[in-house]
Full PDB file with SEQRES, HELIX, SHEET, SSBOND, CRYST1, ORIGX, SCALE, CONECT and MASTER records, all heavy atoms in Angstrom:
SEQRES   1 A   29  MET ARG GLY ARG GLU ALA ALA ARG LEU PHE TYR ASP GLN          
SEQRES   2 A   29  ASP ARG PHE GLN ARG HIS GLY ALA ALA PRO LEU ARG LEU          
SEQRES   3 A   29  GLN GLN THR                                                  
HELIX    1 AA1 ARG A    4  PHE A   10  1                                   7    
HELIX    2 AA2 LEU A   24  GLN A   27  1                                   4    
CRYST1    1.000    1.000    1.000  90.00  90.00  90.00 P 1           1          
ORIGX1      1.000000  0.000000  0.000000        0.00000                         
ORIGX2      0.000000  1.000000  0.000000        0.00000                         
ORIGX3      0.000000  0.000000  1.000000        0.00000                         
SCALE1      1.000000  0.000000  0.000000        0.00000                         
SCALE2      0.000000  1.000000  0.000000        0.00000                         
SCALE3      0.000000  0.000000  1.000000        0.00000                         
ATOM      1  N   MET A   1     195.265-115.357  12.343  1.00  0.00           N  
ATOM      2  CA  MET A   1     195.759-116.294  13.352  1.00  0.00           C  
ATOM      3  C   MET A   1     197.236-116.024  13.621  1.00  0.00           C  
ATOM      4  O   MET A   1     197.940-115.461  12.777  1.00  0.00           O  
ATOM      5  CB  MET A   1     195.622-117.746  12.870  1.00  0.00           C  
ATOM      6  CG  MET A   1     194.250-118.166  12.408  1.00  0.00           C  
ATOM      7  SD  MET A   1     194.165-119.969  12.147  1.00  0.00           S  
ATOM      8  CE  MET A   1     195.379-120.187  10.847  1.00  0.00           C  
ATOM      9  N   ARG A   2     197.694-116.468  14.796  1.00  0.00           N  
ATOM     10  CA  ARG A   2     199.120-116.408  15.115  1.00  0.00           C  
ATOM     11  C   ARG A   2     199.499-117.598  15.996  1.00  0.00           C  
ATOM     12  O   ARG A   2     198.636-118.239  16.611  1.00  0.00           O  
ATOM     13  CB  ARG A   2     199.465-115.109  15.842  1.00  0.00           C  
ATOM     14  CG  ARG A   2     198.924-115.069  17.253  1.00  0.00           C  
ATOM     15  CD  ARG A   2     199.541-113.970  18.087  1.00  0.00           C  
ATOM     16  NE  ARG A   2     198.941-113.974  19.422  1.00  0.00           N  
ATOM     17  CZ  ARG A   2     199.155-113.050  20.344  1.00  0.00           C  
ATOM     18  NH1 ARG A   2     199.941-112.030  20.068  1.00  0.00           N  
ATOM     19  NH2 ARG A   2     198.585-113.148  21.537  1.00  0.00           N  
ATOM     20  N   GLY A   3     200.816-117.873  16.071  1.00  0.00           N  
ATOM     21  CA  GLY A   3     201.322-118.893  16.977  1.00  0.00           C  
ATOM     22  C   GLY A   3     201.642-120.214  16.300  1.00  0.00           C  
ATOM     23  O   GLY A   3     201.289-120.458  15.150  1.00  0.00           O  
ATOM     24  N   ARG A   4     202.318-121.098  17.050  1.00  0.00           N  
ATOM     25  CA  ARG A   4     202.762-122.379  16.508  1.00  0.00           C  
ATOM     26  C   ARG A   4     201.588-123.268  16.118  1.00  0.00           C  
ATOM     27  O   ARG A   4     201.574-123.858  15.030  1.00  0.00           O  
ATOM     28  CB  ARG A   4     203.634-123.103  17.533  1.00  0.00           C  
ATOM     29  CG  ARG A   4     204.085-124.482  17.062  1.00  0.00           C  
ATOM     30  CD  ARG A   4     204.645-125.298  18.203  1.00  0.00           C  
ATOM     31  NE  ARG A   4     206.000-124.905  18.544  1.00  0.00           N  
ATOM     32  CZ  ARG A   4     206.467-124.825  19.781  1.00  0.00           C  
ATOM     33  NH1 ARG A   4     205.657-125.069  20.806  1.00  0.00           N  
ATOM     34  NH2 ARG A   4     207.716-124.506  20.014  1.00  0.00           N  
ATOM     35  N   GLU A   5     200.593-123.374  16.985  1.00  0.00           N  
ATOM     36  CA  GLU A   5     199.439-124.228  16.656  1.00  0.00           C  
ATOM     37  C   GLU A   5     198.721-123.710  15.422  1.00  0.00           C  
ATOM     38  O   GLU A   5     198.291-124.486  14.562  1.00  0.00           O  
ATOM     39  CB  GLU A   5     198.485-124.287  17.841  1.00  0.00           C  
ATOM     40  CG  GLU A   5     198.926-125.187  18.979  1.00  0.00           C  
ATOM     41  CD  GLU A   5     197.796-125.373  19.991  1.00  0.00           C  
ATOM     42  OE1 GLU A   5     196.830-126.090  19.662  1.00  0.00           O  
ATOM     43  OE2 GLU A   5     197.893-124.786  21.075  1.00  0.00           O  
ATOM     44  N   ALA A   6     198.577-122.398  15.339  1.00  0.00           N  
ATOM     45  CA  ALA A   6     197.918-121.806  14.178  1.00  0.00           C  
ATOM     46  C   ALA A   6     198.720-122.074  12.910  1.00  0.00           C  
ATOM     47  O   ALA A   6     198.149-122.364  11.851  1.00  0.00           O  
ATOM     48  CB  ALA A   6     197.731-120.307  14.391  1.00  0.00           C  
ATOM     49  N   ALA A   7     200.044-121.992  13.002  1.00  0.00           N  
ATOM     50  CA  ALA A   7     200.888-122.256  11.834  1.00  0.00           C  
ATOM     51  C   ALA A   7     200.756-123.709  11.388  1.00  0.00           C  
ATOM     52  O   ALA A   7     200.671-124.005  10.188  1.00  0.00           O  
ATOM     53  CB  ALA A   7     202.342-121.921  12.156  1.00  0.00           C  
ATOM     54  N   ARG A   8     200.743-124.611  12.349  1.00  0.00           N  
ATOM     55  CA  ARG A   8     200.585-126.029  12.001  1.00  0.00           C  
ATOM     56  C   ARG A   8     199.252-126.261  11.287  1.00  0.00           C  
ATOM     57  O   ARG A   8     199.163-127.016  10.314  1.00  0.00           O  
ATOM     58  CB  ARG A   8     200.699-126.889  13.256  1.00  0.00           C  
ATOM     59  CG  ARG A   8     200.840-128.370  12.987  1.00  0.00           C  
ATOM     60  CD  ARG A   8     201.036-129.139  14.281  1.00  0.00           C  
ATOM     61  NE  ARG A   8     202.274-128.788  14.939  1.00  0.00           N  
ATOM     62  CZ  ARG A   8     203.457-129.297  14.625  1.00  0.00           C  
ATOM     63  NH1 ARG A   8     203.550-130.190  13.651  1.00  0.00           N  
ATOM     64  NH2 ARG A   8     204.541-128.939  15.287  1.00  0.00           N  
ATOM     65  N   LEU A   9     198.201-125.602  11.770  1.00  0.00           N  
ATOM     66  CA  LEU A   9     196.895-125.705  11.125  1.00  0.00           C  
ATOM     67  C   LEU A   9     196.922-125.098   9.731  1.00  0.00           C  
ATOM     68  O   LEU A   9     196.433-125.683   8.756  1.00  0.00           O  
ATOM     69  CB  LEU A   9     195.842-125.011  11.985  1.00  0.00           C  
ATOM     70  CG  LEU A   9     194.450-124.867  11.363  1.00  0.00           C  
ATOM     71  CD1 LEU A   9     193.766-126.236  11.299  1.00  0.00           C  
ATOM     72  CD2 LEU A   9     193.605-123.877  12.153  1.00  0.00           C  
ATOM     73  N   PHE A  10     197.507-123.916   9.623  1.00  0.00           N  
ATOM     74  CA  PHE A  10     197.513-123.149   8.373  1.00  0.00           C  
ATOM     75  C   PHE A  10     198.176-123.917   7.236  1.00  0.00           C  
ATOM     76  O   PHE A  10     197.774-123.809   6.074  1.00  0.00           O  
ATOM     77  CB  PHE A  10     198.242-121.826   8.624  1.00  0.00           C  
ATOM     78  CG  PHE A  10     198.268-120.879   7.470  1.00  0.00           C  
ATOM     79  CD1 PHE A  10     197.216-120.004   7.235  1.00  0.00           C  
ATOM     80  CD2 PHE A  10     199.371-120.826   6.625  1.00  0.00           C  
ATOM     81  CE1 PHE A  10     197.248-119.118   6.174  1.00  0.00           C  
ATOM     82  CE2 PHE A  10     199.417-119.938   5.558  1.00  0.00           C  
ATOM     83  CZ  PHE A  10     198.349-119.081   5.340  1.00  0.00           C  
ATOM     84  N   TYR A  11     199.204-124.711   7.568  1.00  0.00           N  
ATOM     85  CA  TYR A  11     199.923-125.452   6.528  1.00  0.00           C  
ATOM     86  C   TYR A  11     199.410-126.877   6.352  1.00  0.00           C  
ATOM     87  O   TYR A  11     200.073-127.699   5.708  1.00  0.00           O  
ATOM     88  CB  TYR A  11     201.426-125.426   6.826  1.00  0.00           C  
ATOM     89  CG  TYR A  11     202.001-124.043   6.581  1.00  0.00           C  
ATOM     90  CD1 TYR A  11     202.276-123.187   7.636  1.00  0.00           C  
ATOM     91  CD2 TYR A  11     202.199-123.578   5.286  1.00  0.00           C  
ATOM     92  CE1 TYR A  11     202.762-121.914   7.414  1.00  0.00           C  
ATOM     93  CE2 TYR A  11     202.686-122.303   5.052  1.00  0.00           C  
ATOM     94  CZ  TYR A  11     202.963-121.474   6.121  1.00  0.00           C  
ATOM     95  OH  TYR A  11     203.434-120.204   5.886  1.00  0.00           O  
ATOM     96  N   ASP A  12     198.227-127.170   6.883  1.00  0.00           N  
ATOM     97  CA  ASP A  12     197.543-128.431   6.628  1.00  0.00           C  
ATOM     98  C   ASP A  12     196.856-128.322   5.272  1.00  0.00           C  
ATOM     99  O   ASP A  12     195.848-127.618   5.116  1.00  0.00           O  
ATOM    100  CB  ASP A  12     196.525-128.701   7.742  1.00  0.00           C  
ATOM    101  CG  ASP A  12     195.802-130.033   7.581  1.00  0.00           C  
ATOM    102  OD1 ASP A  12     195.816-130.601   6.467  1.00  0.00           O  
ATOM    103  OD2 ASP A  12     195.205-130.489   8.564  1.00  0.00           O  
ATOM    104  N   GLN A  13     197.392-129.007   4.271  1.00  0.00           N  
ATOM    105  CA  GLN A  13     196.885-128.850   2.901  1.00  0.00           C  
ATOM    106  C   GLN A  13     195.513-129.468   2.711  1.00  0.00           C  
ATOM    107  O   GLN A  13     194.851-129.200   1.698  1.00  0.00           O  
ATOM    108  CB  GLN A  13     197.884-129.449   1.912  1.00  0.00           C  
ATOM    109  CG  GLN A  13     199.219-128.718   1.922  1.00  0.00           C  
ATOM    110  CD  GLN A  13     200.156-129.235   0.855  1.00  0.00           C  
ATOM    111  OE1 GLN A  13     199.942-129.061  -0.337  1.00  0.00           O  
ATOM    112  NE2 GLN A  13     201.222-129.903   1.290  1.00  0.00           N  
ATOM    113  N   ASP A  14     195.058-130.298   3.643  1.00  0.00           N  
ATOM    114  CA  ASP A  14     193.701-130.821   3.556  1.00  0.00           C  
ATOM    115  C   ASP A  14     192.669-129.771   3.967  1.00  0.00           C  
ATOM    116  O   ASP A  14     191.495-129.873   3.600  1.00  0.00           O  
ATOM    117  CB  ASP A  14     193.540-132.051   4.455  1.00  0.00           C  
ATOM    118  CG  ASP A  14     194.302-133.247   3.918  1.00  0.00           C  
ATOM    119  OD1 ASP A  14     194.510-133.315   2.682  1.00  0.00           O  
ATOM    120  OD2 ASP A  14     194.705-134.108   4.725  1.00  0.00           O  
ATOM    121  N   ARG A  15     193.121-128.765   4.725  1.00  0.00           N  
ATOM    122  CA  ARG A  15     192.184-127.761   5.238  1.00  0.00           C  
ATOM    123  C   ARG A  15     192.317-126.401   4.557  1.00  0.00           C  
ATOM    124  O   ARG A  15     191.354-125.633   4.542  1.00  0.00           O  
ATOM    125  CB  ARG A  15     192.384-127.600   6.748  1.00  0.00           C  
ATOM    126  CG  ARG A  15     191.982-128.848   7.530  1.00  0.00           C  
ATOM    127  CD  ARG A  15     192.163-128.649   9.009  1.00  0.00           C  
ATOM    128  NE  ARG A  15     191.599-129.758   9.780  1.00  0.00           N  
ATOM    129  CZ  ARG A  15     191.597-129.814  11.095  1.00  0.00           C  
ATOM    130  NH1 ARG A  15     192.128-128.834  11.812  1.00  0.00           N  
ATOM    131  NH2 ARG A  15     191.065-130.848  11.728  1.00  0.00           N  
ATOM    132  N   PHE A  16     193.500-126.111   4.018  1.00  0.00           N  
ATOM    133  CA  PHE A  16     193.709-124.803   3.395  1.00  0.00           C  
ATOM    134  C   PHE A  16     194.285-124.962   1.997  1.00  0.00           C  
ATOM    135  O   PHE A  16     195.024-125.905   1.719  1.00  0.00           O  
ATOM    136  CB  PHE A  16     194.665-123.946   4.242  1.00  0.00           C  
ATOM    137  CG  PHE A  16     194.047-123.410   5.499  1.00  0.00           C  
ATOM    138  CD1 PHE A  16     194.190-124.096   6.693  1.00  0.00           C  
ATOM    139  CD2 PHE A  16     193.320-122.228   5.493  1.00  0.00           C  
ATOM    140  CE1 PHE A  16     193.621-123.618   7.864  1.00  0.00           C  
ATOM    141  CE2 PHE A  16     192.751-121.740   6.650  1.00  0.00           C  
ATOM    142  CZ  PHE A  16     192.898-122.430   7.839  1.00  0.00           C  
ATOM    143  N   GLN A  17     193.953-124.025   1.146  1.00  0.00           N  
ATOM    144  CA  GLN A  17     194.509-123.993  -0.190  1.00  0.00           C  
ATOM    145  C   GLN A  17     195.009-122.583  -0.495  1.00  0.00           C  
ATOM    146  O   GLN A  17     194.585-121.613   0.130  1.00  0.00           O  
ATOM    147  CB  GLN A  17     193.468-124.405  -1.237  1.00  0.00           C  
ATOM    148  CG  GLN A  17     192.299-123.443  -1.370  1.00  0.00           C  
ATOM    149  CD  GLN A  17     191.257-123.964  -2.342  1.00  0.00           C  
ATOM    150  OE1 GLN A  17     190.858-125.124  -2.284  1.00  0.00           O  
ATOM    151  NE2 GLN A  17     190.819-123.101  -3.248  1.00  0.00           N  
ATOM    152  N   ARG A  18     195.917-122.491  -1.479  1.00  0.00           N  
ATOM    153  CA  ARG A  18     196.482-121.189  -1.859  1.00  0.00           C  
ATOM    154  C   ARG A  18     195.781-120.586  -3.067  1.00  0.00           C  
ATOM    155  O   ARG A  18     195.767-119.378  -3.226  1.00  0.00           O  
ATOM    156  CB  ARG A  18     197.978-121.334  -2.163  1.00  0.00           C  
ATOM    157  CG  ARG A  18     198.880-121.152  -0.946  1.00  0.00           C  
ATOM    158  CD  ARG A  18     198.536-122.096   0.133  1.00  0.00           C  
ATOM    159  NE  ARG A  18     199.231-121.832   1.394  1.00  0.00           N  
ATOM    160  CZ  ARG A  18     198.957-122.466   2.522  1.00  0.00           C  
ATOM    161  NH1 ARG A  18     198.011-123.379   2.546  1.00  0.00           N  
ATOM    162  NH2 ARG A  18     199.598-122.185   3.622  1.00  0.00           N  
ATOM    163  N   HIS A  19     195.226-121.424  -3.911  1.00  0.00           N  
ATOM    164  CA  HIS A  19     194.586-120.917  -5.123  1.00  0.00           C  
ATOM    165  C   HIS A  19     193.445-119.973  -4.765  1.00  0.00           C  
ATOM    166  O   HIS A  19     192.560-120.310  -3.989  1.00  0.00           O  
ATOM    167  CB  HIS A  19     194.057-122.075  -5.971  1.00  0.00           C  
ATOM    168  CG  HIS A  19     193.404-121.630  -7.239  1.00  0.00           C  
ATOM    169  ND1 HIS A  19     194.113-121.086  -8.282  1.00  0.00           N  
ATOM    170  CD2 HIS A  19     192.095-121.637  -7.621  1.00  0.00           C  
ATOM    171  CE1 HIS A  19     193.276-120.767  -9.256  1.00  0.00           C  
ATOM    172  NE2 HIS A  19     192.054-121.092  -8.880  1.00  0.00           N  
ATOM    173  N   GLY A  20     193.478-118.788  -5.320  1.00  0.00           N  
ATOM    174  CA  GLY A  20     192.422-117.820  -5.097  1.00  0.00           C  
ATOM    175  C   GLY A  20     192.519-117.083  -3.781  1.00  0.00           C  
ATOM    176  O   GLY A  20     191.612-116.311  -3.446  1.00  0.00           O  
ATOM    177  N   ALA A  21     193.613-117.285  -3.032  1.00  0.00           N  
ATOM    178  CA  ALA A  21     193.709-116.656  -1.710  1.00  0.00           C  
ATOM    179  C   ALA A  21     194.328-115.263  -1.764  1.00  0.00           C  
ATOM    180  O   ALA A  21     193.827-114.329  -1.144  1.00  0.00           O  
ATOM    181  CB  ALA A  21     194.536-117.545  -0.768  1.00  0.00           C  
ATOM    182  N   ALA A  22     195.428-115.117  -2.495  1.00  0.00           N  
ATOM    183  CA  ALA A  22     196.133-113.840  -2.511  1.00  0.00           C  
ATOM    184  C   ALA A  22     195.307-112.785  -3.246  1.00  0.00           C  
ATOM    185  O   ALA A  22     194.757-113.047  -4.328  1.00  0.00           O  
ATOM    186  CB  ALA A  22     197.487-113.988  -3.189  1.00  0.00           C  
ATOM    187  N   PRO A  23     195.190-111.582  -2.701  1.00  0.00           N  
ATOM    188  CA  PRO A  23     194.486-110.506  -3.405  1.00  0.00           C  
ATOM    189  C   PRO A  23     195.113-110.255  -4.768  1.00  0.00           C  
ATOM    190  O   PRO A  23     196.325-110.425  -4.955  1.00  0.00           O  
ATOM    191  CB  PRO A  23     194.672-109.301  -2.475  1.00  0.00           C  
ATOM    192  CG  PRO A  23     194.953-109.875  -1.132  1.00  0.00           C  
ATOM    193  CD  PRO A  23     195.705-111.148  -1.387  1.00  0.00           C  
ATOM    194  N   LEU A  24     194.290-109.841  -5.712  1.00  0.00           N  
ATOM    195  CA  LEU A  24     194.760-109.621  -7.074  1.00  0.00           C  
ATOM    196  C   LEU A  24     195.915-108.623  -7.103  1.00  0.00           C  
ATOM    197  O   LEU A  24     196.860-108.777  -7.888  1.00  0.00           O  
ATOM    198  CB  LEU A  24     193.606-109.125  -7.945  1.00  0.00           C  
ATOM    199  CG  LEU A  24     193.903-108.951  -9.439  1.00  0.00           C  
ATOM    200  CD1 LEU A  24     194.344-110.277 -10.049  1.00  0.00           C  
ATOM    201  CD2 LEU A  24     192.683-108.400 -10.162  1.00  0.00           C  
ATOM    202  N   ARG A  25     195.874-107.608  -6.248  1.00  0.00           N  
ATOM    203  CA  ARG A  25     196.928-106.593  -6.265  1.00  0.00           C  
ATOM    204  C   ARG A  25     198.287-107.198  -5.902  1.00  0.00           C  
ATOM    205  O   ARG A  25     199.321-106.740  -6.398  1.00  0.00           O  
ATOM    206  CB  ARG A  25     196.584-105.441  -5.319  1.00  0.00           C  
ATOM    207  CG  ARG A  25     196.444-105.831  -3.865  1.00  0.00           C  
ATOM    208  CD  ARG A  25     195.927-104.688  -3.008  1.00  0.00           C  
ATOM    209  NE  ARG A  25     196.819-103.565  -2.952  1.00  0.00           N  
ATOM    210  CZ  ARG A  25     196.597-102.384  -3.525  1.00  0.00           C  
ATOM    211  NH1 ARG A  25     195.492-102.201  -4.218  1.00  0.00           N  
ATOM    212  NH2 ARG A  25     197.454-101.410  -3.411  1.00  0.00           N  
ATOM    213  N   LEU A  26     198.314-108.241  -5.049  1.00  0.00           N  
ATOM    214  CA  LEU A  26     199.581-108.903  -4.741  1.00  0.00           C  
ATOM    215  C   LEU A  26     200.049-109.764  -5.910  1.00  0.00           C  
ATOM    216  O   LEU A  26     201.244-109.850  -6.185  1.00  0.00           O  
ATOM    217  CB  LEU A  26     199.441-109.758  -3.488  1.00  0.00           C  
ATOM    218  CG  LEU A  26     199.393-109.035  -2.145  1.00  0.00           C  
ATOM    219  CD1 LEU A  26     199.286-110.040  -1.008  1.00  0.00           C  
ATOM    220  CD2 LEU A  26     200.622-108.147  -1.949  1.00  0.00           C  
ATOM    221  N   GLN A  27     199.119-110.439  -6.581  1.00  0.00           N  
ATOM    222  CA  GLN A  27     199.487-111.244  -7.735  1.00  0.00           C  
ATOM    223  C   GLN A  27     200.041-110.370  -8.858  1.00  0.00           C  
ATOM    224  O   GLN A  27     200.943-110.773  -9.588  1.00  0.00           O  
ATOM    225  CB  GLN A  27     198.279-112.026  -8.243  1.00  0.00           C  
ATOM    226  CG  GLN A  27     197.723-113.039  -7.250  1.00  0.00           C  
ATOM    227  CD  GLN A  27     196.514-113.761  -7.809  1.00  0.00           C  
ATOM    228  OE1 GLN A  27     196.543-114.259  -8.929  1.00  0.00           O  
ATOM    229  NE2 GLN A  27     195.448-113.812  -7.041  1.00  0.00           N  
ATOM    230  N   GLN A  28     199.500-109.169  -8.984  1.00  0.00           N  
ATOM    231  CA  GLN A  28     199.898-108.271 -10.066  1.00  0.00           C  
ATOM    232  C   GLN A  28     201.214-107.561  -9.798  1.00  0.00           C  
ATOM    233  O   GLN A  28     201.773-106.933 -10.696  1.00  0.00           O  
ATOM    234  CB  GLN A  28     198.803-107.240 -10.310  1.00  0.00           C  
ATOM    235  CG  GLN A  28     197.516-107.835 -10.858  1.00  0.00           C  
ATOM    236  CD  GLN A  28     196.366-106.851 -10.818  1.00  0.00           C  
ATOM    237  OE1 GLN A  28     196.311-105.968  -9.964  1.00  0.00           O  
ATOM    238  NE2 GLN A  28     195.456-106.975 -11.762  1.00  0.00           N  
ATOM    239  N   THR A  29     201.717-107.647  -8.581  1.00  0.00           N  
ATOM    240  CA  THR A  29     202.942-106.930  -8.230  1.00  0.00           C  
ATOM    241  C   THR A  29     204.006-107.859  -7.657  1.00  0.00           C  
ATOM    242  O   THR A  29     205.071-108.021  -8.217  1.00  0.00           O  
ATOM    243  CB  THR A  29     202.643-105.814  -7.212  1.00  0.00           C  
ATOM    244  OG1 THR A  29     201.967-106.371  -6.076  1.00  0.00           O  
ATOM    245  CG2 THR A  29     201.758-104.737  -7.828  1.00  0.00           C  
TER     246      THR A  29                                                      
MASTER        0    0    0    2    0    0    0    6  245    1    0    3          
END                                                                             
């Protein structure tokens, strides 16, 4: 997604979570 509306949606904590989202290779580095 891109844009202001998408960003507002993306940071809605009722709809999105961070746990388990980042690929393991990013967590490891």
